[in-house]
């Protein structure tokens, strides 16, 4: 049973033409084969024309006493009815702070209950939630606040070694002498209100409990009235992308983008109200917020957050203690869990499915997750922030070998194609740039027409910058980034291909491949390798393992054994930083 009753296509009338029947049959395409790299998938489920607020209200009405959220290490949990009560109070307070429909509200922090409440309250208040990366420092914070004209900022005062209040104070020193809600900053002229999601109030900032009390009857009435005026095509969220050059871009996402992306994931993983989804990935990122949180909100499933930041031990403990049925993570997170000392003692009996995404998924790691973590229905998702985020998802019943070697087909009602450098669609099984068109594609970057036009062409196609291939059955695989592809003496090397091969080595825990400048060949292949505990494998052993198995030009010329990789907060490996460190080490700067 699905928590939100989605409309289904009405039965075809007897007057439907044979041509139409044939057309629909071909698009379900059980037997026809692709010749060119263009595909799309239809579904018995229509797209959903509802806002996030409407979806949440319906779920609360259906499952008021079901557990909605669990923050495992924080020891906090709420039913849908309890969550709704807090959300409505905060939505009224956002109105009480003077914010209007379309104003931007920031949320800066890790996974905690107040993050979730703020997200849904912002939705109901008609404002646009801006996800601020917890790794941001003063310059990045100042840029983000000004770029979108943020009017209010919800934030944790500190986390581990980061003091967020001090960082904000560096940007807005006026906060020390301001009354809460009356900040006037020279550097950030739009920012008026700061709300601390943890602890007591501080100079110039409300505590979360104080903020909850701001809204009165009049503001609550306005929130109710707003639900009628908010449209599903309205922008609801801005997420900053981490570009390789220049400042981050604010990808603007609509209710329609997020609701339908979450629905596609909920259907793909067959979520029901009895599911309990372990979400160790960050909420500030689309993976946690949309594929995780919103997919649960669509269906009445419980969201389980092990700890504020990723921790392998906490995640394994949450899976067992909370009887989770699904687990999300990046490949790096799964590798940490599989190799954690407590792993053999964890009971995975309740598990069945999940998503591995965020970076290329090594085949051997995927196989271990399926077998050792009791996830026979484990899937791989692919997408980008600009596509809300998922564009592809492997099905739960696809044969394992195909499931682990592809990113599946596109989600329903989305088109995909692969093009060459001239923009022409290539034949199947040919590498080129992955492009998408449909409900998942964002309307554009906030206040950046030029970058938007660079990303979305005149025909509505979003250009991903990823290199991929589509086979005759529509299954897609990603072979690398356009900028990551290594060209050695005219030969193209796709890092993912070499990484997948090296994962077969019995002593390799993880490997990352990058290109290093070379005077003779233009580029050479470099491998950063994490060995399994106790291994004494040498550089020469690795090269001998490759000989006769992969082409000579794909064998890494440079091999570095490392204990860790430079990582983003979302668990993605910073290949640019690996490349930069190698260039410095080799004197190539």
Protein backbone atom coordinates (compact mmCIF):
# COMPACT_ATOMS: atom_id res chain seq x y z
CA UNK A 1 0.00 0.00 0.00
CA UNK A 2 1.39 3.39 -1.00
CA UNK A 3 0.99 6.27 1.41
CA UNK A 4 0.03 8.74 -1.31
CA UNK A 5 -2.54 7.42 -3.72
CA UNK A 6 -1.13 8.20 -7.15
CA UNK A 7 -3.48 8.55 -10.08
CA UNK A 8 -3.32 5.81 -12.66
CA UNK A 9 -3.98 6.03 -16.34
CA UNK A 10 -7.63 5.43 -17.14
CA UNK A 11 -8.43 2.31 -19.20
CA UNK A 12 -8.14 2.79 -22.93
CA UNK A 13 -11.49 3.23 -24.66
CA UNK A 14 -12.50 0.77 -27.34
CA UNK A 15 -12.25 3.57 -29.88
CA UNK A 16 -8.44 3.88 -29.46
CA UNK A 17 -6.84 3.43 -32.89
CA UNK A 18 -4.64 0.47 -33.73
CA UNK A 19 -1.85 2.97 -34.43
CA UNK A 20 -2.10 4.33 -30.89
CA UNK A 21 -2.09 0.84 -29.40
CA UNK A 22 0.95 -0.07 -31.46
CA UNK A 23 2.70 3.16 -30.42
CA UNK A 24 2.07 2.55 -26.73
CA UNK A 25 3.16 -1.07 -27.03
CA UNK A 26 6.44 -0.01 -28.64
CA UNK A 27 7.10 2.48 -25.91
CA UNK A 28 6.69 -0.16 -23.23
CA UNK A 29 9.16 -1.97 -25.50
CA UNK A 30 9.56 -5.48 -24.20
CA UNK A 31 10.98 -6.88 -27.44
CA UNK A 32 12.07 -3.98 -29.66
CA UNK A 33 15.75 -3.07 -29.57
CA UNK A 34 17.34 0.34 -29.72
CA UNK A 35 19.56 1.16 -32.66
CA UNK A 36 20.49 4.69 -31.63
CA UNK A 37 21.27 5.99 -28.15
CA UNK A 38 17.87 7.57 -27.45
CA UNK A 39 15.37 6.17 -24.99
CA UNK A 40 12.49 7.00 -22.68
CA UNK A 41 10.28 5.02 -20.34
CA UNK A 42 6.52 5.28 -19.87
CA UNK A 43 4.65 4.20 -16.76
CA UNK A 44 1.19 3.21 -15.60
CA UNK A 45 1.53 6.05 -13.08
CA UNK A 46 0.85 9.60 -14.15
CA UNK A 47 3.05 12.49 -13.11
CA UNK A 48 1.86 14.04 -9.85
CA UNK A 49 0.53 17.60 -9.96
CA UNK A 50 0.90 18.35 -6.24
CA UNK A 51 3.11 20.46 -4.04
CA UNK A 52 5.35 19.00 -1.35
CA UNK A 53 3.02 20.51 1.23
CA UNK A 54 -0.01 18.74 -0.24
CA UNK A 55 1.87 15.43 -0.30
CA UNK A 56 2.92 15.85 3.33
CA UNK A 57 -0.61 16.76 4.47
CA UNK A 58 -2.05 13.66 2.78
CA UNK A 59 0.54 11.39 4.37
CA UNK A 60 -0.13 12.86 7.83
CA UNK A 61 -3.87 12.27 7.36
CA UNK A 62 -3.31 8.65 6.32
CA UNK A 63 -0.65 7.69 8.87
CA UNK A 64 -0.81 10.11 11.82
CA UNK A 65 0.50 7.58 14.35
CA UNK A 66 3.18 6.01 12.16
CA UNK A 67 6.76 6.80 13.09
CA UNK A 68 7.96 9.44 10.63
CA UNK A 69 11.52 10.26 11.70
CA UNK A 70 14.13 8.70 13.95
CA UNK A 71 17.41 10.41 14.82
CA UNK A 72 19.20 7.42 16.28
CA UNK A 73 22.19 8.85 18.18
CA UNK A 74 20.29 12.05 19.10
CA UNK A 75 17.60 9.82 20.67
CA UNK A 76 14.77 11.78 19.02
CA UNK A 77 11.77 10.37 17.17
CA UNK A 78 8.39 11.65 15.99
CA UNK A 79 5.19 10.34 14.45
CA UNK A 80 3.77 12.06 11.40
CA UNK A 81 1.20 13.87 13.55
CA UNK A 82 3.89 15.13 15.95
CA UNK A 83 6.09 16.24 13.08
CA UNK A 84 3.17 18.06 11.44
CA UNK A 85 2.42 19.96 14.65
CA UNK A 86 5.99 21.30 14.87
CA UNK A 87 6.07 22.06 11.14
CA UNK A 88 2.87 24.12 11.31
CA UNK A 89 4.18 26.12 14.28
CA UNK A 90 7.44 26.94 12.55
CA UNK A 91 5.72 27.77 9.24
CA UNK A 92 3.61 30.35 11.10
CA UNK A 93 6.76 31.71 12.74
CA UNK A 94 8.47 32.10 9.36
CA UNK A 95 5.52 34.24 8.31
CA UNK A 96 5.76 36.05 11.66
CA UNK A 97 9.39 36.92 10.92
CA UNK A 98 8.15 38.91 7.94
CA UNK A 99 9.01 36.49 5.17
CA UNK A 100 6.73 36.26 2.16
CA UNK A 101 6.13 33.72 -0.56
CA UNK A 102 9.28 33.31 -2.65
CA UNK A 103 11.69 34.66 -0.02
CA UNK A 104 14.80 32.55 0.59
CA UNK A 105 15.35 30.71 3.87
CA UNK A 106 18.70 29.05 4.52
CA UNK A 107 19.38 25.85 6.45
CA UNK A 108 22.99 25.25 7.51
CA UNK A 109 23.83 22.09 9.41
CA UNK A 110 24.01 18.32 9.51
CA UNK A 111 21.24 15.72 9.80
CA UNK A 112 19.08 16.54 12.83
CA UNK A 113 15.40 16.83 13.66
CA UNK A 114 15.28 20.61 13.38
CA UNK A 115 16.64 20.38 9.81
CA UNK A 116 13.64 18.27 8.85
CA UNK A 117 11.16 20.59 10.60
CA UNK A 118 12.69 23.64 8.92
CA UNK A 119 12.53 22.03 5.48
CA UNK A 120 8.83 21.23 5.70
CA UNK A 121 7.96 24.51 7.45
CA UNK A 122 9.66 26.47 4.66
CA UNK A 123 7.62 24.50 2.13
CA UNK A 124 4.34 25.31 3.90
CA UNK A 125 5.30 28.99 4.32
CA UNK A 126 5.80 29.30 0.57
CA UNK A 127 9.45 30.27 0.93
CA UNK A 128 12.40 28.77 -0.94
CA UNK A 129 14.71 26.62 1.19
CA UNK A 130 18.40 27.10 0.46
CA UNK A 131 20.61 24.17 1.47
CA UNK A 132 23.94 25.49 2.76
CA UNK A 133 26.89 23.10 2.71
CA UNK A 134 28.10 22.38 6.28
CA UNK A 135 31.67 22.55 4.99
CA UNK A 136 31.35 26.21 3.99
CA UNK A 137 33.70 28.73 5.54
CA UNK A 138 33.37 32.53 5.68
CA UNK A 139 33.94 33.39 2.01
CA UNK A 140 31.70 30.59 0.75
CA UNK A 141 28.95 31.45 3.23
CA UNK A 142 29.07 35.13 2.29
CA UNK A 143 28.80 34.23 -1.40
CA UNK A 144 25.85 31.88 -0.88
CA UNK A 145 23.92 34.31 1.34
CA UNK A 146 24.30 37.14 -1.15
CA UNK A 147 23.82 35.10 -4.30
CA UNK A 148 20.25 34.16 -3.43
CA UNK A 149 19.42 37.13 -1.19
CA UNK A 150 18.79 35.03 1.91
CA UNK A 151 16.42 36.68 4.41
CA UNK A 152 16.58 34.13 7.25
CA UNK A 153 19.15 31.52 8.21
CA UNK A 154 18.55 28.44 10.37
CA UNK A 155 21.87 27.02 11.58
CA UNK A 156 23.55 24.79 14.13
CA UNK A 157 25.88 26.89 16.33
CA UNK A 158 28.68 24.31 16.12
CA UNK A 159 29.53 20.76 15.11
CA UNK A 160 32.73 18.89 15.99
CA UNK A 161 35.58 21.32 15.19
CA UNK A 162 33.41 23.78 13.22
CA UNK A 163 31.98 26.80 15.03
CA UNK A 164 29.29 28.03 12.66
CA UNK A 165 28.31 30.97 14.82
CA UNK A 166 31.90 32.27 14.69
CA UNK A 167 31.96 31.81 10.90
CA UNK A 168 28.73 33.79 10.58
CA UNK A 169 30.09 36.43 12.93
CA UNK A 170 33.10 36.86 10.63
CA UNK A 171 30.70 37.65 7.80
CA UNK A 172 28.19 39.69 9.83
CA UNK A 173 30.00 41.17 12.86
CA UNK A 174 26.88 43.29 13.50
CA UNK A 175 25.12 40.21 14.89
CA UNK A 176 26.87 40.68 18.26
CA UNK A 177 25.00 43.97 18.81
CA UNK A 178 21.69 43.14 17.13
CA UNK A 179 18.32 42.12 18.50
CA UNK A 180 17.09 38.77 17.12
CA UNK A 181 15.22 39.34 13.87
CA UNK A 182 16.69 42.82 13.37
CA UNK A 183 20.10 42.09 11.88
CA UNK A 184 21.41 44.81 9.56
CA UNK A 185 24.62 43.70 7.89
CA UNK A 186 26.77 45.69 5.48
CA UNK A 187 28.05 42.58 3.72
CA UNK A 188 24.73 40.69 3.70
CA UNK A 189 22.04 43.39 3.43
CA UNK A 190 19.13 40.95 2.91
CA UNK A 191 19.76 38.81 6.02
CA UNK A 192 17.51 39.83 8.92
CA UNK A 193 16.90 36.74 11.07
CA UNK A 194 19.20 34.02 12.40
CA UNK A 195 17.76 31.00 14.21
CA UNK A 196 19.96 28.51 16.08
CA UNK A 197 18.59 25.00 15.72
CA UNK A 198 20.46 23.78 18.83
CA UNK A 199 20.97 25.16 22.31
CA UNK A 200 20.07 28.52 23.85
CA UNK A 201 19.76 31.86 22.10
CA UNK A 202 22.94 33.80 21.37
CA UNK A 203 23.62 37.44 20.54
CA UNK A 204 21.47 38.51 17.59
CA UNK A 205 19.95 35.03 17.10
CA UNK A 206 16.78 33.24 18.21
CA UNK A 207 16.85 29.81 19.80
CA UNK A 208 14.74 27.24 17.96
CA UNK A 209 12.19 27.11 20.79
CA UNK A 210 11.90 30.91 20.79
CA UNK A 211 11.39 30.86 17.03
CA UNK A 212 8.58 28.29 17.33
CA UNK A 213 6.65 30.72 19.55
CA UNK A 214 6.75 33.68 17.12
CA UNK A 215 3.75 32.71 15.01
CA UNK A 216 0.24 33.41 16.29
CA UNK A 217 -3.31 32.71 15.12
CA UNK A 218 -3.10 35.23 12.30
CA UNK A 219 0.11 33.69 10.93
CA UNK A 220 -1.31 30.16 11.21
CA UNK A 221 -4.33 31.26 9.18
CA UNK A 222 -2.01 32.72 6.53
CA UNK A 223 -0.16 29.40 6.31
CA UNK A 224 -3.46 27.59 5.68
CA UNK A 225 -4.43 30.12 3.00
CA UNK A 226 -1.02 29.88 1.34
CA UNK A 227 -1.53 26.19 0.59
CA UNK A 228 -4.13 27.19 -2.01
CA UNK A 229 -1.87 29.67 -3.80
CA UNK A 230 1.37 27.66 -3.90
CA UNK A 231 1.66 25.95 -7.29
CA UNK A 232 3.64 22.81 -8.08
CA UNK A 233 5.72 24.69 -10.66
CA UNK A 234 6.87 27.21 -8.04
CA UNK A 235 10.53 27.05 -6.97
CA UNK A 236 10.90 25.42 -3.55
CA UNK A 237 14.58 24.64 -3.11
CA UNK A 238 18.03 25.92 -4.10
CA UNK A 239 21.04 23.63 -3.87
CA UNK A 240 24.54 24.84 -4.65
CA UNK A 241 26.55 22.69 -7.02
CA UNK A 242 30.25 22.24 -6.41
CA UNK A 243 31.76 23.24 -9.72
CA UNK A 244 35.39 22.49 -10.54
CA UNK A 245 36.05 26.13 -11.38
CA UNK A 246 34.49 29.41 -10.29
CA UNK A 247 31.82 29.96 -7.67
CA UNK A 248 29.11 27.37 -6.91
CA UNK A 249 25.90 27.68 -8.92
CA UNK A 250 22.50 27.69 -7.23
CA UNK A 251 20.40 24.99 -8.88
CA UNK A 252 16.74 25.98 -8.48
CA UNK A 253 14.29 23.11 -8.05
CA UNK A 254 10.48 23.11 -8.11
CA UNK A 255 7.83 21.15 -6.21
CA UNK A 256 7.14 19.27 -9.46
CA UNK A 257 10.82 18.33 -9.81
CA UNK A 258 11.13 16.95 -6.28
CA UNK A 259 7.73 15.30 -5.84
CA UNK A 260 7.97 13.30 -9.05
CA UNK A 261 11.60 12.36 -8.52
CA UNK A 262 10.79 11.08 -5.03
CA UNK A 263 7.77 9.20 -6.38
CA UNK A 264 9.89 7.46 -9.02
CA UNK A 265 12.30 6.28 -6.32
CA UNK A 266 9.48 5.21 -3.97
CA UNK A 267 7.94 3.08 -6.73
CA UNK A 268 11.31 1.78 -7.88
CA UNK A 269 12.19 0.53 -4.38
CA UNK A 270 8.60 -0.52 -3.62
CA UNK A 271 8.41 1.52 -0.43
CA UNK A 272 5.37 1.04 1.79
CA UNK A 273 4.42 2.35 5.25
CA UNK A 274 6.16 -0.64 6.87
CA UNK A 275 9.57 0.27 5.43
CA UNK A 276 12.25 1.85 7.59
CA UNK A 277 14.91 3.58 5.53
CA UNK A 278 18.40 4.16 6.95
CA UNK A 279 19.70 7.49 5.62
CA UNK A 280 23.34 8.19 6.56
CA UNK A 281 23.80 10.53 3.57
CA UNK A 282 23.41 14.29 4.26
CA UNK A 283 20.03 15.98 4.12
CA UNK A 284 21.51 19.12 2.63
CA UNK A 285 22.19 17.09 -0.53
CA UNK A 286 19.55 15.79 -2.96
CA UNK A 287 20.47 12.18 -2.16
CA UNK A 288 19.34 12.53 1.45
CA UNK A 289 16.62 15.14 1.03
CA UNK A 290 14.81 13.85 -2.08
CA UNK A 291 15.70 10.18 -2.66
CA UNK A 292 15.72 9.59 1.09
CA UNK A 293 13.45 11.90 3.06
CA UNK A 294 10.89 12.78 0.42
CA UNK A 295 10.53 9.23 -0.89
CA UNK A 296 9.57 8.27 2.67
CA UNK A 297 7.16 11.21 2.98
CA UNK A 298 5.47 10.02 -0.22
CA UNK A 299 4.77 6.57 1.20
CA UNK A 300 4.53 6.80 4.97
CA UNK A 301 7.83 4.95 5.46
CA UNK A 302 10.01 5.85 8.46
CA UNK A 303 13.23 7.80 8.01
CA UNK A 304 16.12 6.66 10.20
CA UNK A 305 19.15 8.95 10.52
CA UNK A 306 22.01 7.17 12.32
CA UNK A 307 24.05 10.23 13.31
CA UNK A 308 24.43 13.87 12.28
CA UNK A 309 27.44 13.07 10.11
CA UNK A 310 28.31 9.75 8.54
CA UNK A 311 29.76 7.17 10.88
CA UNK A 312 30.03 3.52 9.86
CA UNK A 313 29.52 2.14 13.38
CA UNK A 314 26.46 4.33 14.02
CA UNK A 315 24.97 3.34 10.67
CA UNK A 316 25.42 -0.39 11.31
CA UNK A 317 23.97 0.02 14.81
CA UNK A 318 20.94 1.91 13.44
CA UNK A 319 20.28 -0.79 10.82
CA UNK A 320 20.12 -3.46 13.52
CA UNK A 321 18.47 -1.52 16.37
CA UNK A 322 15.81 0.14 14.21
CA UNK A 323 15.14 -2.96 12.05
CA UNK A 324 15.80 -1.02 8.86
CA UNK A 325 14.63 -2.46 5.55
CA UNK A 326 16.68 -0.18 3.26
CA UNK A 327 20.07 1.51 3.33
CA UNK A 328 21.45 4.44 1.31
CA UNK A 329 25.06 5.43 0.78
CA UNK A 330 27.94 6.30 -1.50
CA UNK A 331 30.40 3.54 -2.46
CA UNK A 332 32.90 4.98 0.05
CA UNK A 333 30.32 4.69 2.84
CA UNK A 334 29.53 1.08 1.97
CA UNK A 335 33.24 0.24 1.85
CA UNK A 336 33.62 1.70 5.37
CA UNK A 337 30.67 -0.35 6.64
CA UNK A 338 31.80 -3.60 5.01
CA UNK A 339 35.28 -3.22 6.54
CA UNK A 340 34.20 -2.08 10.01
CA UNK A 341 35.20 -4.46 12.85
CA UNK A 342 31.59 -4.67 14.09
CA UNK A 343 30.21 -5.70 10.68
CA UNK A 344 30.28 -9.49 11.31
CA UNK A 345 28.17 -9.05 14.46
CA UNK A 346 25.34 -7.07 12.84
CA UNK A 347 22.00 -8.72 12.13
CA UNK A 348 20.87 -7.68 8.64
CA UNK A 349 17.76 -9.89 8.70
CA UNK A 350 15.32 -7.00 8.19
CA UNK A 351 17.10 -5.61 5.12
CA UNK A 352 16.00 -5.99 1.50
CA UNK A 353 16.84 -2.94 -0.64
CA UNK A 354 18.55 0.43 -0.88
CA UNK A 355 20.48 2.78 -3.14
CA UNK A 356 24.17 3.12 -3.85
CA UNK A 357 24.94 6.37 -5.64
CA UNK A 358 27.00 9.55 -5.62
CA UNK A 359 29.99 8.22 -7.54
CA UNK A 360 30.79 5.20 -9.76
CA UNK A 361 29.86 2.00 -7.94
CA UNK A 362 32.55 -0.73 -8.00
CA UNK A 363 30.99 -4.00 -9.09
CA UNK A 364 32.67 -6.09 -6.39
CA UNK A 365 31.48 -3.73 -3.64
CA UNK A 366 27.92 -3.91 -4.97
CA UNK A 367 28.03 -7.71 -4.94
CA UNK A 368 29.19 -7.74 -1.31
CA UNK A 369 26.40 -5.38 -0.26
CA UNK A 370 23.82 -7.60 -1.95
CA UNK A 371 25.12 -10.78 -0.31
CA UNK A 372 26.70 -9.71 3.00
CA UNK A 373 24.18 -7.02 3.95
CA UNK A 374 21.15 -9.09 2.91
CA UNK A 375 20.07 -6.62 0.20
CA UNK A 376 18.94 -8.79 -2.74
CA UNK A 377 16.97 -5.81 -4.12
CA UNK A 378 19.84 -3.32 -3.86
CA UNK A 379 19.79 -0.71 -6.62
CA UNK A 380 22.11 1.82 -8.20
CA UNK A 381 20.86 5.34 -8.88
CA UNK A 382 22.42 8.00 -11.03
CA UNK A 383 21.67 11.67 -11.31
CA UNK A 384 22.74 15.24 -10.72
CA UNK A 385 21.51 18.12 -8.57
CA UNK A 386 20.20 19.76 -11.75
CA UNK A 387 18.00 16.70 -12.43
CA UNK A 388 16.37 16.69 -8.99
CA UNK A 389 18.50 14.39 -8.73
CA UNK A 390 17.75 10.90 -10.14
CA UNK A 391 17.54 10.21 -13.85
CA UNK A 392 18.31 6.47 -13.77
CA UNK A 393 17.61 3.62 -11.38
CA UNK A 394 18.33 -0.07 -11.73
CA UNK A 395 15.29 -2.25 -11.09
CA UNK A 396 15.14 -4.56 -8.10
CA UNK A 397 14.54 -7.65 -10.22
CA UNK A 398 17.22 -7.05 -12.86
CA UNK A 399 19.78 -9.90 -12.92
CA UNK A 400 22.62 -9.04 -10.56
CA UNK A 401 25.35 -8.97 -13.22
CA UNK A 402 23.41 -6.42 -15.27
CA UNK A 403 22.31 -4.52 -12.17
CA UNK A 404 25.85 -3.99 -10.94
CA UNK A 405 27.31 -3.13 -14.35
CA UNK A 406 24.83 -0.37 -15.27
CA UNK A 407 22.80 2.49 -13.83
CA UNK A 408 19.61 1.00 -15.26
CA UNK A 409 17.16 2.74 -17.54
CA UNK A 410 15.82 6.26 -17.16
CA UNK A 411 13.04 6.84 -14.65
CA UNK A 412 9.48 7.08 -16.07
CA UNK A 413 8.53 10.05 -18.28
CA UNK A 414 12.15 11.12 -18.83
CA UNK A 415 14.01 11.10 -22.15
CA UNK A 416 17.71 10.38 -22.49
CA UNK A 417 20.17 10.47 -25.35
CA UNK A 418 23.91 10.19 -25.86
CA UNK A 419 25.58 12.59 -28.26
CA UNK A 420 28.98 13.10 -29.86
CA UNK A 421 31.03 16.29 -29.87
CA UNK A 422 28.92 17.68 -32.73
CA UNK A 423 25.65 17.07 -30.89
CA UNK A 424 24.57 14.07 -32.96
CA UNK A 425 22.96 11.00 -31.36
CA UNK A 426 25.42 8.11 -31.47
CA UNK A 427 24.69 4.40 -32.17
CA UNK A 428 24.03 2.12 -29.19
CA UNK A 429 27.04 0.96 -27.19
CA UNK A 430 28.98 4.07 -28.23
CA UNK A 431 30.40 6.56 -25.72
CA UNK A 432 29.24 10.15 -25.67
CA UNK A 433 27.72 12.80 -23.44
CA UNK A 434 24.61 11.86 -21.46
CA UNK A 435 21.68 14.28 -21.90
CA UNK A 436 18.22 14.35 -20.33
CA UNK A 437 14.87 16.03 -20.92
CA UNK A 438 11.69 15.86 -18.85
CA UNK A 439 10.11 16.54 -15.47
CA UNK A 440 13.39 16.02 -13.60
CA UNK A 441 15.27 18.85 -15.34
CA UNK A 442 15.62 21.98 -13.22
CA UNK A 443 14.37 25.36 -14.54
CA UNK A 444 17.81 26.93 -14.17
CA UNK A 445 20.51 28.40 -11.95
CA UNK A 446 19.41 31.17 -9.61
CA UNK A 447 20.15 34.58 -11.11
CA UNK A 448 22.47 33.13 -13.77
CA UNK A 449 21.00 33.13 -17.27
CA UNK A 450 24.35 32.48 -18.95
CA UNK A 451 25.16 29.31 -16.98
CA UNK A 452 21.57 28.12 -17.41
CA UNK A 453 21.84 28.41 -21.20
CA UNK A 454 25.13 26.52 -21.10
CA UNK A 455 23.46 23.65 -19.22
CA UNK A 456 20.07 23.47 -20.98
CA UNK A 457 19.99 23.81 -24.77
CA UNK A 458 17.28 25.43 -26.88
CA UNK A 459 15.42 22.11 -27.17
CA UNK A 460 15.20 21.60 -23.41
CA UNK A 461 17.98 19.01 -23.12
CA UNK A 462 20.17 19.14 -20.02
CA UNK A 463 23.80 18.31 -20.79
CA UNK A 464 25.25 16.32 -17.88
CA UNK A 465 28.96 16.49 -18.69
CA UNK A 466 29.15 12.74 -18.03
CA UNK A 467 30.29 10.16 -20.54
CA UNK A 468 27.94 7.24 -20.95
CA UNK A 469 26.75 4.41 -23.15
CA UNK A 470 23.27 2.98 -23.77
CA UNK A 471 22.84 -0.60 -24.96
CA UNK A 472 20.14 -1.94 -27.26
CA UNK A 473 17.84 -2.61 -24.26
CA UNK A 474 18.10 0.92 -22.90
CA UNK A 475 20.46 0.08 -20.03
CA UNK A 476 22.93 2.85 -19.44
CA UNK A 477 26.37 2.92 -17.89
CA UNK A 478 28.58 5.85 -16.99
CA UNK A 479 32.17 5.56 -18.13
CA UNK A 480 33.50 8.84 -16.75
CA UNK A 481 33.32 12.61 -16.83
CA UNK A 482 34.07 14.50 -20.02
CA UNK A 483 36.73 16.39 -18.08
CA UNK A 484 37.94 13.25 -16.27
CA UNK A 485 38.51 11.17 -19.40
CA UNK A 486 42.21 10.47 -19.81
CA UNK A 487 43.64 10.81 -23.33
CA UNK A 488 46.98 9.00 -23.52
CA UNK A 489 48.70 9.25 -26.88
CA UNK A 490 45.34 9.50 -28.66
CA UNK A 491 43.80 6.57 -26.75
CA UNK A 492 40.75 7.30 -24.56
CA UNK A 493 40.92 5.86 -21.04
CA UNK A 494 37.76 5.84 -18.93
CA UNK A 495 38.75 5.90 -15.23
CA UNK A 496 35.68 3.92 -14.16
CA UNK A 497 36.66 1.00 -16.41
CA UNK A 498 40.14 0.74 -14.87
CA UNK A 499 38.77 1.17 -11.34
CA UNK A 500 36.25 -1.65 -11.84
CA UNK A 501 39.01 -3.95 -13.10
CA UNK A 502 41.35 -3.21 -10.18
CA UNK A 503 38.56 -3.88 -7.68
CA UNK A 504 38.96 -7.55 -8.67
CA UNK A 505 42.40 -7.60 -7.02
CA UNK A 506 42.03 -9.49 -3.71
CA UNK A 507 44.15 -7.00 -1.73
CA UNK A 508 42.54 -3.77 -2.98
CA UNK A 509 39.91 -2.14 -0.79
CA UNK A 510 39.33 0.88 -3.04
CA UNK A 511 40.99 2.63 -5.98
CA UNK A 512 40.71 5.98 -7.73
CA UNK A 513 42.09 6.67 -11.21
CA UNK A 514 43.10 10.14 -12.45
CA UNK A 515 45.06 11.53 -15.38
CA UNK A 516 48.46 13.13 -14.82
CA UNK A 517 50.09 15.46 -17.42
CA UNK A 518 52.85 13.77 -19.42
CA UNK A 519 55.29 15.38 -21.85
CA UNK A 520 55.32 12.47 -24.28
CA UNK A 521 51.78 11.06 -24.20
CA UNK A 522 49.83 14.11 -23.06
CA UNK A 523 48.47 12.22 -20.03
CA UNK A 524 49.33 9.14 -18.04
CA UNK A 525 47.15 6.99 -15.82
CA UNK A 526 47.64 7.33 -12.04
CA UNK A 527 46.08 5.07 -9.38
CA UNK A 528 45.53 5.95 -5.74
CA UNK A 529 44.97 2.64 -3.97
CA UNK A 530 43.70 1.79 -0.48
CA UNK A 531 44.84 -1.72 0.45
CA UNK A 532 43.01 -4.08 2.76
CA UNK A 533 44.28 -4.33 6.30
CA UNK A 534 47.47 -6.40 6.55
CA UNK A 535 48.19 -6.44 2.81
CA UNK A 536 51.79 -6.14 1.60
CA UNK A 537 51.00 -5.81 -2.10
CA UNK A 538 53.56 -3.75 -4.03
CA UNK A 539 53.38 -1.41 -7.01
CA UNK A 540 54.94 -4.09 -9.21
CA UNK A 541 52.34 -6.65 -8.02
CA UNK A 542 49.56 -4.33 -9.18
CA UNK A 543 51.13 -3.82 -12.60
CA UNK A 544 51.68 -7.56 -13.05
CA UNK A 545 48.01 -8.12 -12.15
CA UNK A 546 47.04 -5.79 -15.01
CA UNK A 547 49.35 -7.21 -17.69
CA UNK A 548 47.52 -9.33 -20.21
CA UNK A 549 44.17 -8.41 -18.66
CA UNK A 550 43.71 -4.81 -19.79
CA UNK A 551 45.29 -2.83 -22.62
CA UNK A 552 48.84 -1.71 -21.90
CA UNK A 553 47.98 1.98 -22.13
CA UNK A 554 45.33 1.55 -19.39
CA UNK A 555 47.81 0.12 -16.87
CA UNK A 556 48.56 2.86 -14.31
CA UNK A 557 52.04 4.25 -14.75
CA UNK A 558 51.91 5.89 -11.31
CA UNK A 559 50.64 4.07 -8.23
CA UNK A 560 50.24 5.62 -4.80
CA UNK A 561 49.21 3.60 -1.74
CA UNK A 562 47.10 5.79 0.57
CA UNK A 563 45.14 5.43 3.79
CA UNK A 564 42.38 7.86 2.83
CA UNK A 565 41.07 10.06 0.03
CA UNK A 566 40.18 13.75 0.06
CA UNK A 567 36.39 13.73 0.46
CA UNK A 568 33.45 16.09 0.20
CA UNK A 569 30.85 16.24 2.99
CA UNK A 570 28.56 14.09 0.85
CA UNK A 571 31.09 11.27 0.70
CA UNK A 572 32.29 11.95 -2.84
CA UNK A 573 35.98 11.64 -3.57
CA UNK A 574 37.68 14.84 -4.78
CA UNK A 575 39.50 13.62 -7.86
CA UNK A 576 40.62 17.13 -8.70
CA UNK A 577 42.44 17.30 -5.38
CA UNK A 578 44.09 13.91 -5.99
CA UNK A 579 45.25 15.15 -9.37
CA UNK A 580 46.53 18.40 -7.86
CA UNK A 581 48.48 16.62 -5.11
CA UNK A 582 50.15 14.38 -7.68
CA UNK A 583 51.09 17.33 -9.88
CA UNK A 584 52.72 19.05 -6.89
CA UNK A 585 54.54 15.88 -5.87
CA UNK A 586 55.87 15.35 -9.39
CA UNK A 587 56.86 18.98 -9.86
CA UNK A 588 54.38 19.55 -12.66
CA UNK A 589 52.97 22.83 -11.30
